[in-house]
Structure formats: C-alpha cells, structure tokens
N, C-alpha and C. Protein backbone atom coordinates (compact mmCIF):
# COMPACT_ATOMS: atom_id res chain seq x y z
N MET A 1 0.68 -0.70 -0.13
CA MET A 1 -0.11 0.21 0.01
C MET A 1 1.07 1.30 -0.05
N THR A 2 1.91 1.18 0.97
CA THR A 2 2.49 2.43 0.87
C THR A 2 3.42 2.78 -0.48
N THR A 3 3.84 1.49 -1.14
CA THR A 3 4.32 1.50 -2.57
C THR A 3 3.71 2.43 -3.48
N TYR A 4 2.45 2.32 -3.19
CA TYR A 4 1.39 2.90 -4.19
C TYR A 4 1.54 4.40 -4.13
N ILE A 5 1.53 4.84 -2.36
CA ILE A 5 1.24 6.14 -2.05
C ILE A 5 2.72 6.82 -2.64
N ILE A 6 3.80 6.00 -2.38
CA ILE A 6 4.81 6.64 -3.07
C ILE A 6 4.79 7.02 -4.28
N ILE A 7 4.20 5.98 -5.16
CA ILE A 7 4.10 6.22 -6.55
C ILE A 7 3.48 7.09 -6.84
N GLY A 8 2.46 7.19 -6.36
CA GLY A 8 1.43 8.32 -6.47
C GLY A 8 1.93 9.74 -6.37
N VAL A 9 2.43 9.85 -5.19
CA VAL A 9 3.35 11.24 -4.84
C VAL A 9 4.25 11.44 -5.94
N ILE A 10 5.34 10.32 -5.95
CA ILE A 10 6.03 11.24 -7.30
C ILE A 10 5.26 11.28 -8.90
N ALA A 11 4.62 10.38 -9.32
CA ALA A 11 4.13 10.90 -10.24
C ALA A 11 3.24 12.39 -10.29
N ILE A 12 2.53 12.63 -9.08
CA ILE A 12 1.89 14.59 -8.98
C ILE A 12 3.15 15.03 -9.12
N VAL A 13 4.14 15.09 -8.45
CA VAL A 13 5.80 15.92 -8.16
C VAL A 13 6.01 15.83 -9.68
N VAL A 14 5.93 14.91 -10.42
CA VAL A 14 6.67 14.75 -11.94
C VAL A 14 5.55 15.87 -12.71
N LEU A 15 4.22 15.27 -12.55
CA LEU A 15 3.28 15.89 -13.09
C LEU A 15 3.45 17.37 -12.97
N PHE A 16 3.60 17.82 -11.98
CA PHE A 16 3.77 19.56 -11.59
C PHE A 16 4.68 20.29 -12.19
N VAL A 17 6.17 19.49 -12.34
CA VAL A 17 7.20 19.91 -12.98
C VAL A 17 7.09 20.18 -14.22
N ILE A 18 6.20 19.20 -15.08
CA ILE A 18 6.38 19.14 -16.73
C ILE A 18 5.41 20.39 -16.66
N VAL A 19 3.96 20.43 -15.91
CA VAL A 19 3.38 21.76 -15.90
C VAL A 19 4.01 22.85 -15.93
N TYR A 20 4.81 23.20 -14.87
CA TYR A 20 5.65 24.29 -14.18
C TYR A 20 6.28 24.51 -15.62
N VAL A 21 7.47 23.62 -16.10
CA VAL A 21 8.48 23.50 -17.26
C VAL A 21 7.66 24.66 -18.35
N LYS A 22 6.63 23.74 -18.86
CA LYS A 22 6.07 24.39 -20.11
C LYS A 22 5.39 25.52 -19.99
N MET A 23 5.05 26.02 -18.63
CA MET A 23 3.99 27.58 -18.56
C MET A 23 5.32 28.40 -18.56
N SER A 24 6.70 27.89 -18.17
CA SER A 24 7.74 28.88 -18.01
C SER A 24 8.35 29.30 -19.27
N ILE A 25 8.10 28.11 -20.08
CA ILE A 25 8.38 28.07 -21.40
C ILE A 25 7.74 29.17 -22.45
N ASP A 26 6.49 28.71 -22.16
CA ASP A 26 5.72 29.74 -23.12
C ASP A 26 5.36 31.08 -22.50
N GLU A 27 5.72 31.43 -21.32
CA GLU A 27 5.37 32.65 -20.81
C GLU A 27 6.93 33.41 -21.31
N LYS A 28 8.20 32.91 -21.33
CA LYS A 28 9.35 33.10 -22.06
C LYS A 28 9.05 33.51 -23.72
N LYS A 29 8.50 32.73 -24.31
CA LYS A 29 8.12 32.63 -25.59
C LYS A 29 7.23 33.83 -26.08
N GLY A 30 6.50 34.10 -25.00
CA GLY A 30 5.21 35.22 -25.10
C GLY A 30 5.70 36.68 -24.71
N ALA A 31 6.93 37.15 -24.53
CA ALA A 31 7.51 38.03 -24.07
C ALA A 31 7.80 39.01 -25.46
N ASP A 32 8.01 38.55 -26.62
CA ASP A 32 8.24 38.57 -27.56
C ASP A 32 7.58 37.70 -28.98
N SER A 33 6.42 37.34 -28.64
CA SER A 33 6.16 36.17 -29.52
C SER A 33 5.65 37.36 -31.10
N GLU A 34 5.43 35.94 -32.01
CA GLU A 34 5.10 36.46 -33.25
C GLU A 34 3.89 36.61 -33.24
N GLU A 35 3.26 36.19 -32.32
CA GLU A 35 1.82 36.48 -32.06
C GLU A 35 1.48 37.62 -31.88
N LYS A 36 2.53 38.61 -30.89
CA LYS A 36 2.27 39.51 -30.29
C LYS A 36 2.74 40.65 -31.48
N ARG A 37 3.67 40.44 -32.26
CA ARG A 37 3.93 41.59 -33.44
C ARG A 37 2.81 41.45 -34.50
N LYS A 38 2.11 40.26 -34.48
CA LYS A 38 0.90 40.26 -35.75
C LYS A 38 0.14 41.11 -35.45
N ILE A 39 -0.54 41.10 -33.78
CA ILE A 39 -1.57 42.05 -33.26
C ILE A 39 -1.13 43.44 -33.64
N ARG A 40 0.04 43.63 -33.54
CA ARG A 40 0.56 45.14 -33.22
C ARG A 40 0.71 45.63 -34.93
N ASN A 41 0.77 44.14 -35.87
CA ASN A 41 0.73 45.01 -37.26
C ASN A 41 -0.59 45.15 -37.88
N ILE A 42 -1.32 44.25 -36.66
CA ILE A 42 -3.34 44.22 -37.63
C ILE A 42 -3.58 45.43 -37.00
N VAL A 43 -3.28 45.98 -36.26
CA VAL A 43 -3.80 47.34 -35.39
C VAL A 43 -3.09 48.64 -36.67
N ASN A 44 -1.90 48.38 -36.79
CA ASN A 44 -1.32 49.48 -37.64
C ASN A 44 -1.76 49.47 -38.94
N LYS A 45 -2.61 48.44 -39.41
CA LYS A 45 -2.87 48.20 -40.96
C LYS A 45 -4.73 48.64 -40.89
N VAL A 46 -5.16 47.97 -39.61
CA VAL A 46 -6.81 48.42 -39.98
C VAL A 46 -7.31 49.93 -38.90
N VAL A 47 -6.40 50.22 -38.03
CA VAL A 47 -6.91 51.37 -37.45
C VAL A 47 -6.44 52.59 -37.73
N PRO A 48 -7.31 53.74 -38.44
CA PRO A 48 -6.49 54.84 -38.80
C PRO A 48 -5.54 55.43 -37.67
N ASN A 49 -4.20 55.70 -38.46
CA ASN A 49 -2.89 56.17 -37.67
C ASN A 49 -3.04 55.40 -36.69
N GLY A 50 -3.30 53.72 -36.88
CA GLY A 50 -2.72 52.75 -35.92
C GLY A 50 -1.45 52.79 -35.02
N GLU A 51 -0.29 53.40 -35.62
CA GLU A 51 1.05 53.45 -35.03
C GLU A 51 0.86 54.36 -33.76
N SER A 52 0.00 55.30 -33.28
CA SER A 52 -0.13 56.04 -32.65
C SER A 52 -1.12 55.17 -31.19
N TYR A 53 -1.66 54.11 -31.59
CA TYR A 53 -2.43 53.67 -30.35
C TYR A 53 -1.50 52.37 -29.45
N THR A 54 -1.69 52.33 -28.61
CA THR A 54 -0.77 51.43 -27.68
C THR A 54 -1.92 49.88 -28.06
N VAL A 55 -1.28 48.63 -28.04
CA VAL A 55 -1.88 47.62 -28.77
C VAL A 55 -1.90 46.62 -27.44
N ALA A 56 -2.41 45.72 -27.58
CA ALA A 56 -3.08 44.63 -26.60
C ALA A 56 -3.72 43.08 -27.20
N TYR A 57 -3.26 42.55 -26.57
CA TYR A 57 -4.33 41.09 -26.97
C TYR A 57 -5.65 41.03 -25.65
N GLY A 58 -6.56 40.77 -25.99
CA GLY A 58 -7.99 40.69 -25.43
C GLY A 58 -8.53 39.98 -25.73
N THR A 59 -9.39 39.47 -25.08
CA THR A 59 -10.51 38.04 -25.06
C THR A 59 -12.00 38.42 -24.37
N ARG A 60 -12.96 38.00 -24.79
CA ARG A 60 -14.28 37.63 -24.33
C ARG A 60 -14.52 36.81 -24.14
N GLU A 61 -15.40 36.01 -23.03
CA GLU A 61 -16.21 35.06 -22.87
C GLU A 61 -17.24 35.12 -22.19
N GLU A 62 -18.22 34.28 -22.84
CA GLU A 62 -19.97 34.02 -22.60
C GLU A 62 -19.85 32.75 -22.33
N LEU A 63 -20.34 32.59 -20.29
CA LEU A 63 -20.92 31.51 -20.40
C LEU A 63 -22.48 31.36 -20.31
N THR A 64 -23.01 30.32 -20.81
CA THR A 64 -24.49 29.83 -21.32
C THR A 64 -24.80 29.12 -19.94
N LEU A 65 -25.86 28.68 -19.60
CA LEU A 65 -26.18 27.41 -18.95
C LEU A 65 -27.75 27.05 -19.46
N GLY A 66 -27.94 25.81 -19.54
CA GLY A 66 -28.97 25.44 -20.58
C GLY A 66 -29.32 23.86 -19.97
N GLY A 67 -30.18 23.55 -20.41
CA GLY A 67 -30.81 22.41 -20.54
C GLY A 67 -32.38 22.26 -19.60
N GLY A 68 -32.96 21.42 -19.40
CA GLY A 68 -33.80 21.39 -18.33
C GLY A 68 -34.20 20.23 -18.04
N GLY A 69 -34.99 19.96 -16.68
CA GLY A 69 -35.14 19.30 -15.68
C GLY A 69 -34.18 19.03 -14.91
N ARG A 70 -33.26 17.51 -14.79
CA ARG A 70 -32.34 17.36 -14.24
C ARG A 70 -30.88 17.51 -14.81
N THR A 71 -31.04 17.86 -16.40
CA THR A 71 -29.97 17.91 -17.03
C THR A 71 -29.43 19.52 -17.08
N VAL A 72 -28.04 20.00 -16.76
CA VAL A 72 -27.79 21.22 -16.74
C VAL A 72 -26.29 21.10 -17.77
N THR A 73 -26.44 22.25 -18.85
CA THR A 73 -25.71 22.32 -19.80
C THR A 73 -24.70 23.70 -19.73
N THR A 74 -23.57 23.39 -20.00
CA THR A 74 -22.78 24.67 -19.69
C THR A 74 -22.29 24.82 -21.13
N THR A 75 -22.22 26.18 -21.93
CA THR A 75 -21.67 26.41 -23.24
C THR A 75 -20.80 27.74 -22.63
N THR A 76 -19.39 27.88 -23.23
CA THR A 76 -18.86 28.73 -23.30
C THR A 76 -18.03 29.35 -24.33
N LYS A 77 -18.33 30.23 -24.63
CA LYS A 77 -17.99 30.63 -26.11
C LYS A 77 -16.73 31.94 -26.08
N TYR A 78 -15.74 31.87 -27.03
CA TYR A 78 -14.89 33.04 -26.62
C TYR A 78 -14.33 34.00 -27.86
N TRP A 79 -14.16 35.01 -27.87
CA TRP A 79 -13.55 35.74 -28.97
C TRP A 79 -12.27 36.43 -28.63
N TYR A 80 -11.61 36.89 -29.41
CA TYR A 80 -10.82 37.09 -29.37
C TYR A 80 -10.20 38.25 -30.07
N TYR A 81 -9.55 39.34 -29.53
CA TYR A 81 -9.39 40.85 -30.28
C TYR A 81 -8.10 41.52 -29.80
N ALA A 82 -7.21 41.88 -31.18
CA ALA A 82 -6.65 42.97 -30.99
C ALA A 82 -7.15 44.38 -30.59
N VAL A 83 -6.22 44.99 -29.77
CA VAL A 83 -7.36 45.76 -29.01
C VAL A 83 -6.15 46.74 -29.11
N GLY A 84 -6.80 48.29 -29.28
CA GLY A 84 -5.89 49.34 -30.06
C GLY A 84 -6.51 50.24 -29.38
N PHE A 85 -5.66 50.96 -28.48
CA PHE A 85 -6.35 52.25 -27.56
C PHE A 85 -5.53 52.97 -27.14
N LYS A 86 -6.28 54.52 -26.76
CA LYS A 86 -5.75 55.68 -26.64
C LYS A 86 -6.74 56.89 -26.10
N PRO A 87 -6.29 57.96 -25.19
CA PRO A 87 -7.20 58.53 -24.77
C PRO A 87 -8.37 58.89 -25.13
N GLY A 88 -9.47 58.31 -24.68
CA GLY A 88 -11.33 58.39 -25.39
C GLY A 88 -11.34 57.74 -26.57
N ASP A 89 -10.59 56.33 -27.07
CA ASP A 89 -10.87 55.74 -28.06
C ASP A 89 -10.20 54.20 -27.93
N LEU A 90 -10.96 53.50 -28.24
CA LEU A 90 -10.94 52.20 -28.46
C LEU A 90 -11.62 51.33 -29.81
N TYR A 91 -10.32 50.62 -30.25
CA TYR A 91 -10.62 50.01 -31.15
C TYR A 91 -10.42 48.63 -30.81
N LEU A 92 -11.54 47.43 -31.06
CA LEU A 92 -11.41 46.21 -31.08
C LEU A 92 -11.60 45.34 -32.15
N ILE A 93 -10.54 44.74 -32.73
CA ILE A 93 -10.52 43.88 -33.80
C ILE A 93 -10.58 42.01 -33.73
N PRO A 94 -11.87 42.09 -34.01
CA PRO A 94 -11.95 40.96 -33.85
C PRO A 94 -10.96 39.44 -34.61
N LEU A 95 -10.30 38.56 -34.13
CA LEU A 95 -9.40 37.76 -34.58
C LEU A 95 -9.71 36.45 -34.31
N SER A 96 -9.31 35.61 -35.35
CA SER A 96 -9.14 34.04 -35.59
C SER A 96 -8.50 33.37 -35.43
N PHE A 97 -7.88 31.89 -35.15
CA PHE A 97 -6.46 31.60 -35.21
C PHE A 97 -7.31 30.29 -36.08
N ALA A 98 -6.25 29.93 -36.70
CA ALA A 98 -6.39 28.27 -37.37
C ALA A 98 -4.78 27.94 -38.02
N GLY A 99 -4.24 27.09 -37.59
CA GLY A 99 -3.45 26.51 -38.16
C GLY A 99 -2.05 27.29 -38.37
N GLY A 100 -1.88 28.00 -36.67
CA GLY A 100 -0.90 29.14 -36.51
C GLY A 100 -1.03 30.28 -37.16
N ASP A 101 -1.90 30.77 -38.14
CA ASP A 101 -2.48 32.14 -38.77
C ASP A 101 -3.27 32.53 -38.06
N VAL A 102 -2.90 34.20 -38.18
CA VAL A 102 -3.92 35.06 -37.44
C VAL A 102 -4.73 35.68 -38.69
N SER A 103 -5.96 35.77 -38.38
CA SER A 103 -6.78 36.54 -39.31
C SER A 103 -8.04 37.63 -38.59
N TYR A 104 -8.16 38.40 -39.42
CA TYR A 104 -9.08 39.67 -38.71
C TYR A 104 -10.16 39.86 -39.71
N SER A 105 -11.25 40.80 -38.56
CA SER A 105 -12.09 40.60 -39.64
C SER A 105 -12.28 42.68 -39.08
N GLU A 106 -13.16 43.20 -39.68
CA GLU A 106 -14.04 44.70 -39.32
C GLU A 106 -13.63 45.14 -38.17
N PRO A 107 -12.98 46.21 -37.90
CA PRO A 107 -12.83 46.56 -36.54
C PRO A 107 -13.91 47.30 -35.95
N ILE A 108 -14.01 47.11 -34.86
CA ILE A 108 -15.47 47.62 -33.83
C ILE A 108 -14.56 48.94 -33.51
N HIS A 109 -15.20 50.24 -33.54
CA HIS A 109 -14.86 51.35 -32.80
C HIS A 109 -15.78 51.93 -31.73
N PHE A 110 -15.51 52.68 -30.90
CA PHE A 110 -15.66 52.58 -29.52
C PHE A 110 -15.21 54.18 -29.45
N GLY A 111 -15.61 55.49 -29.47
CA GLY A 111 -15.04 56.41 -28.85
C GLY A 111 -16.11 56.80 -27.65
N LYS A 112 -15.17 57.60 -26.91
CA LYS A 112 -16.18 57.58 -25.47
C LYS A 112 -17.46 58.36 -25.40
N GLY A 113 -17.84 59.26 -26.32
CA GLY A 113 -19.19 59.85 -26.74
C GLY A 113 -20.29 58.51 -27.32
N ASP A 114 -19.64 57.34 -27.72
CA ASP A 114 -20.56 56.67 -28.23
C ASP A 114 -21.14 55.74 -26.69
N LEU A 115 -20.42 55.79 -25.85
CA LEU A 115 -21.19 55.05 -24.54
C LEU A 115 -21.49 55.67 -23.36
N GLY A 116 -22.74 54.82 -22.67
CA GLY A 116 -23.48 55.64 -22.02
C GLY A 116 -22.65 55.11 -20.57
N MET A 117 -21.77 54.05 -20.54
CA MET A 117 -21.12 53.67 -19.04
C MET A 117 -20.08 52.95 -19.35
N VAL A 118 -19.40 53.01 -18.36
CA VAL A 118 -17.87 51.99 -18.30
C VAL A 118 -17.85 51.50 -17.09
N GLU A 119 -17.45 50.51 -16.90
CA GLU A 119 -16.93 49.83 -15.74
C GLU A 119 -15.58 49.22 -15.57
N ALA A 120 -14.73 49.84 -15.09
CA ALA A 120 -12.84 49.33 -14.99
C ALA A 120 -13.19 48.64 -13.91
N LYS A 121 -12.58 47.24 -13.87
CA LYS A 121 -11.99 46.30 -12.78
C LYS A 121 -10.98 46.01 -13.37
N LYS A 122 -10.08 45.41 -12.29
CA LYS A 122 -9.00 44.83 -11.88
C LYS A 122 -8.72 43.81 -13.67
N GLY A 123 -8.32 43.75 -14.48
CA GLY A 123 -8.21 42.71 -15.66
C GLY A 123 -9.32 43.06 -16.36
N TYR A 124 -10.27 43.46 -16.35
CA TYR A 124 -11.46 43.51 -17.31
C TYR A 124 -11.79 44.83 -17.35
N THR A 125 -12.94 45.18 -18.39
CA THR A 125 -13.63 46.37 -18.38
C THR A 125 -14.53 45.96 -19.24
N VAL A 126 -16.24 46.53 -18.50
CA VAL A 126 -17.32 46.58 -19.03
C VAL A 126 -17.96 47.70 -19.76
N ILE A 127 -18.10 47.74 -20.75
CA ILE A 127 -18.93 48.73 -21.78
C ILE A 127 -20.00 48.59 -22.05
N TYR A 128 -20.90 49.60 -21.96
CA TYR A 128 -21.99 49.75 -21.81
C TYR A 128 -22.78 50.70 -22.85
N ASP A 129 -24.12 50.35 -23.85
CA ASP A 129 -24.36 51.41 -24.62
C ASP A 129 -25.30 52.75 -23.98
N LYS A 130 -25.89 53.47 -24.65
CA LYS A 130 -26.40 54.78 -24.01
C LYS A 130 -27.79 54.43 -23.17
N ASP A 131 -27.96 53.05 -23.94
CA ASP A 131 -29.53 53.08 -22.57
C ASP A 131 -28.92 52.33 -21.48
N ARG A 132 -27.84 52.05 -21.46
CA ARG A 132 -26.92 51.05 -20.36
C ARG A 132 -27.13 49.60 -20.29
N LYS A 133 -26.97 49.23 -21.40
CA LYS A 133 -27.37 47.83 -21.55
C LYS A 133 -25.59 47.59 -22.17
N GLU A 134 -25.15 46.32 -21.29
CA GLU A 134 -24.05 45.76 -21.86
C GLU A 134 -23.89 45.59 -23.14
N ILE A 135 -22.55 45.68 -23.67
CA ILE A 135 -22.22 45.91 -25.12
C ILE A 135 -21.31 44.37 -24.94
N LEU A 136 -20.21 44.61 -24.04
CA LEU A 136 -19.32 43.16 -23.66
C LEU A 136 -18.58 43.74 -22.74
N THR A 137 -17.99 42.67 -22.04
CA THR A 137 -16.64 42.85 -21.13
C THR A 137 -15.78 41.78 -21.89
N LEU A 138 -14.54 43.06 -21.99
CA LEU A 138 -13.30 42.81 -22.33
C LEU A 138 -12.29 42.71 -21.40
N TYR A 139 -11.65 41.53 -21.27
CA TYR A 139 -10.35 41.22 -20.35
C TYR A 139 -8.99 41.66 -21.06
N VAL A 140 -8.34 42.35 -20.43
CA VAL A 140 -6.76 42.65 -21.25
C VAL A 140 -5.88 42.01 -19.96
N VAL A 141 -5.28 40.70 -19.79
CA VAL A 141 -4.72 40.42 -18.99
C VAL A 141 -3.16 40.41 -19.21
N GLU A 142 -2.23 40.30 -18.69
CA GLU A 142 -0.93 40.22 -18.67
C GLU A 142 -0.06 38.94 -18.99
N SER A 143 -0.89 37.78 -19.03
CA SER A 143 -0.08 36.55 -19.22
C SER A 143 -1.04 35.90 -20.14
N ASN A 144 -1.08 35.82 -21.05
CA ASN A 144 -1.64 34.57 -21.68
C ASN A 144 -0.96 33.72 -22.75
N THR A 145 -1.06 32.33 -22.24
CA THR A 145 -0.19 31.06 -22.73
C THR A 145 -1.41 30.20 -23.23
N LYS A 146 -0.77 29.72 -24.42
CA LYS A 146 -0.93 28.67 -25.07
C LYS A 146 -1.37 27.09 -24.34
N ASP A 147 -2.82 26.90 -23.82
CA ASP A 147 -3.48 26.09 -22.67
C ASP A 147 -3.71 25.08 -23.23
N ASP A 148 -4.94 25.49 -24.35
CA ASP A 148 -5.70 24.40 -24.87
C ASP A 148 -6.15 25.57 -26.22
N LYS A 149 -7.20 24.45 -27.00
CA LYS A 149 -7.54 25.41 -27.75
C LYS A 149 -8.50 26.71 -27.72
N TYR A 150 -8.95 27.08 -26.60
CA TYR A 150 -9.41 28.19 -26.24
C TYR A 150 -8.76 29.41 -25.73
N HIS A 151 -7.14 28.84 -25.42
CA HIS A 151 -6.41 29.53 -25.23
C HIS A 151 -5.10 29.71 -26.70
N PRO A 152 -4.98 30.12 -27.56
CA PRO A 152 -4.47 29.96 -28.79
C PRO A 152 -3.34 30.75 -29.22
N VAL A 153 -2.77 32.06 -27.88
CA VAL A 153 -1.13 32.25 -27.82
C VAL A 153 -0.42 32.60 -26.89
N ASN A 154 0.84 32.75 -26.85
CA ASN A 154 1.71 32.77 -25.94
C ASN A 154 1.92 34.61 -26.24
N ILE A 155 1.21 35.38 -25.38
CA ILE A 155 1.67 36.62 -25.27
C ILE A 155 1.75 37.13 -24.06
N GLN A 156 2.92 37.73 -23.72
CA GLN A 156 3.10 38.09 -22.38
C GLN A 156 3.20 39.96 -22.46
N GLN A 157 2.24 40.47 -21.69
CA GLN A 157 1.81 41.99 -22.14
C GLN A 157 1.55 42.39 -20.51
N LYS A 158 2.92 42.82 -19.52
CA LYS A 158 2.37 43.22 -18.60
C LYS A 158 2.39 44.77 -18.64
N GLU A 159 3.34 45.32 -19.17
CA GLU A 159 2.81 46.92 -19.82
C GLU A 159 1.52 47.48 -20.11
N GLU A 160 1.37 46.50 -21.25
CA GLU A 160 0.08 46.83 -22.27
C GLU A 160 -1.20 46.35 -21.32
N ALA A 161 -1.13 45.59 -20.49
CA ALA A 161 -1.82 45.23 -19.49
C ALA A 161 -2.34 46.56 -18.33
N GLU A 162 -1.26 46.85 -17.84
CA GLU A 162 -1.04 48.32 -16.93
C GLU A 162 -1.76 49.64 -17.65
N ALA A 163 -1.38 49.36 -18.71
CA ALA A 163 -1.61 50.54 -19.50
C ALA A 163 -3.20 50.81 -19.94
N PHE A 164 -3.59 49.61 -20.36
CA PHE A 164 -5.05 49.61 -20.60
C PHE A 164 -5.91 49.52 -19.34
N ALA A 165 -5.43 49.19 -18.01
CA ALA A 165 -6.00 49.17 -16.68
C ALA A 165 -6.22 50.77 -16.54
N GLN A 166 -5.19 51.57 -16.98
CA GLN A 166 -5.04 53.31 -16.54
C GLN A 166 -6.15 53.56 -17.34
N PHE A 167 -6.23 53.32 -19.21
CA PHE A 167 -7.18 53.66 -20.17
C PHE A 167 -8.03 53.52 -19.75
N SER A 168 -8.68 52.37 -18.85
CA SER A 168 -9.97 52.18 -18.66
C SER A 168 -10.75 52.64 -17.30
N GLN A 169 -9.58 53.18 -16.41
CA GLN A 169 -10.12 54.11 -15.51
C GLN A 169 -10.53 55.30 -15.80
N ALA A 170 -9.56 56.07 -16.28
CA ALA A 170 -9.93 57.42 -17.26
C ALA A 170 -10.80 57.10 -18.12
N LEU A 171 -11.19 56.70 -18.98
CA LEU A 171 -12.15 56.63 -19.56
C LEU A 171 -13.71 56.08 -18.80
N MET A 172 -13.47 55.24 -17.84
CA MET A 172 -14.70 55.00 -16.84
C MET A 172 -15.09 56.49 -16.33
N GLN A 173 -14.02 57.03 -15.71
CA GLN A 173 -14.42 58.60 -15.39
C GLN A 173 -14.97 59.63 -16.30
N GLU A 174 -14.59 59.90 -17.35
CA GLU A 174 -14.73 60.45 -18.58
C GLU A 174 -16.21 60.04 -18.92
N VAL A 175 -16.44 59.05 -19.32
CA VAL A 175 -17.78 58.75 -19.76
C VAL A 175 -18.90 58.68 -18.75
N ASN A 176 -18.75 57.88 -17.61
CA ASN A 176 -19.43 57.85 -16.39
C ASN A 176 -20.21 59.49 -15.85
N ALA A 177 -19.09 60.48 -16.16
CA ALA A 177 -19.35 61.55 -15.96
C ALA A 177 -20.41 62.43 -16.50
N ALA A 178 -19.87 62.19 -17.70
CA ALA A 178 -20.64 62.82 -19.13
C ALA A 178 -22.08 62.56 -18.89
N ASN A 179 -22.28 61.30 -18.88
CA ASN A 179 -23.54 60.47 -18.48
C ASN A 179 -24.48 60.83 -17.20
N GLY A 180 -23.81 61.26 -16.49
CA GLY A 180 -24.34 61.78 -15.15
C GLY A 180 -24.10 60.14 -14.22
N ILE A 181 -23.62 59.65 -14.06
CA ILE A 181 -23.39 58.06 -13.78
C ILE A 181 -22.40 58.31 -12.31
N THR A 182 -23.20 58.39 -11.22
CA THR A 182 -22.37 58.39 -9.97
C THR A 182 -22.01 57.06 -9.44
N ASP A 183 -23.09 56.41 -9.64
CA ASP A 183 -22.90 55.00 -8.81
C ASP A 183 -23.32 53.76 -9.81
N ILE A 184 -22.21 53.25 -9.91
CA ILE A 184 -22.78 51.98 -11.17
C ILE A 184 -23.66 51.33 -11.01
N LYS A 185 -23.59 50.87 -9.83
CA LYS A 185 -24.30 49.97 -9.05
C LYS A 185 -25.89 50.32 -9.39
N ALA A 186 -26.17 51.52 -8.75
CA ALA A 186 -27.63 52.04 -8.96
C ALA A 186 -28.07 52.21 -10.33
N ALA A 187 -26.97 52.83 -11.39
CA ALA A 187 -27.46 52.63 -12.63
C ALA A 187 -27.68 51.06 -13.57
N LYS A 188 -27.21 50.27 -13.11
CA LYS A 188 -27.63 49.12 -13.40
C LYS A 188 -28.86 48.50 -13.31
N LYS A 189 -29.09 48.78 -11.75
CA LYS A 189 -30.37 48.50 -11.32
C LYS A 189 -31.64 49.27 -11.97
N GLU A 190 -31.31 50.47 -12.61
CA GLU A 190 -32.13 51.42 -13.01
C GLU A 190 -32.34 51.02 -14.51
N ALA A 191 -31.14 50.60 -15.00
CA ALA A 191 -31.23 49.99 -16.70
C ALA A 191 -31.92 48.59 -16.98
N LYS A 192 -32.29 47.85 -15.86
CA LYS A 192 -33.06 46.74 -15.45
C LYS A 192 -34.24 46.63 -15.64
N LYS A 193 -34.83 47.86 -14.87
CA LYS A 193 -36.10 47.94 -14.65
C LYS A 193 -36.34 48.59 -15.70
N ASN A 194 -35.71 49.03 -16.77
CA ASN A 194 -36.01 49.89 -18.32
C ASN A 194 -36.46 48.78 -19.16
C-alpha cells in the first residue's frame, strides 16, 4: 500500500514539474512572440493612424447555462481581439486563429461619446451603450499562454495590461461623468427596470 502512495506522490510531483516547465517556456516565448507582433501589425494596418495606439491582446468569454429537468449544460464561447487604445478611443479587431495563422475582421470602434457607461475592474472592462445595456466585457490580462484550443496564443503583456487598466479607469471617469453616472450599481439596477 505504501508503495502505491509513494508512486502516486512521485507521479504528482513529476506532473507538476512538467506543467511548470511548460508554463515557464510559454511565458518566455510570449514576451516577444510572433503572435504579439502580428497583433501590432493588424492594428497598424486596420486602425486609422494605428501606430499612435497602444496595442494589447484581449478576450471575451460568455458562459451560457441551459438544459432542463435534471440536466444542466454549460457552453462557453470565446472571442479574441487585437485591442488598440489611446485616451478616449478604443478599437477592437476580432481575431481568429487557424493552424498558426491569425486572421481578422472589421474593427469595432468605441469613442467615449458612443458609450453610456464604463465599469473598469482589475483585468477587465465592461462597456455599456447609451441605454446602459452591456455591450461586452473585455479582458486584457498580463499573461496569455497556449493552454488549450480556447487559449491559442503566447503573449506576455505586463506593460500593455497596466496601460489598458489606466486607460479603462480614465475612460470610466470621463464617460460616466458625461452621462451623469455616479453610482454604477444603481445605474445598472435602473437599466434593468427599463
């Protein structure tokens, strides 16, 4: 019995070391990855005067619960974006990944005048339309590693994530002040009533 316990402990330690080494390698590759350069090039190409924008990689996730009776199913959808931003101006360029290639579609532009409310949190930003209905929640995080098919890139972006957090805070203050929002929770409750 103790032999099985020792073998189990050794297996867990070996598995941990393998996972840790893979994560470390992915993080090092992501610091100046080809994917990061491709995203920069996409923003430069698609966004007017794109060179003047700070660029980051962003994601959006949507969890849906469904089913009936005793069975509950969950579905998670993922979206990926090249994010270009500068004070008061945000571009999201939808990305898709296939076989190492990155493709993109038409950019989505949000100027501060287009928005009704912004909620900036650590690691993500929620943007709302003029009716205070949620448009999307955008995640811009420091570390992105190829973990599975839902996490397709190695991009490390500590400076970019910090810059996006500052941008989001400033955008939240500007947009919310311009739209008379002093309490985000109260504004969301009011929007649900309507």
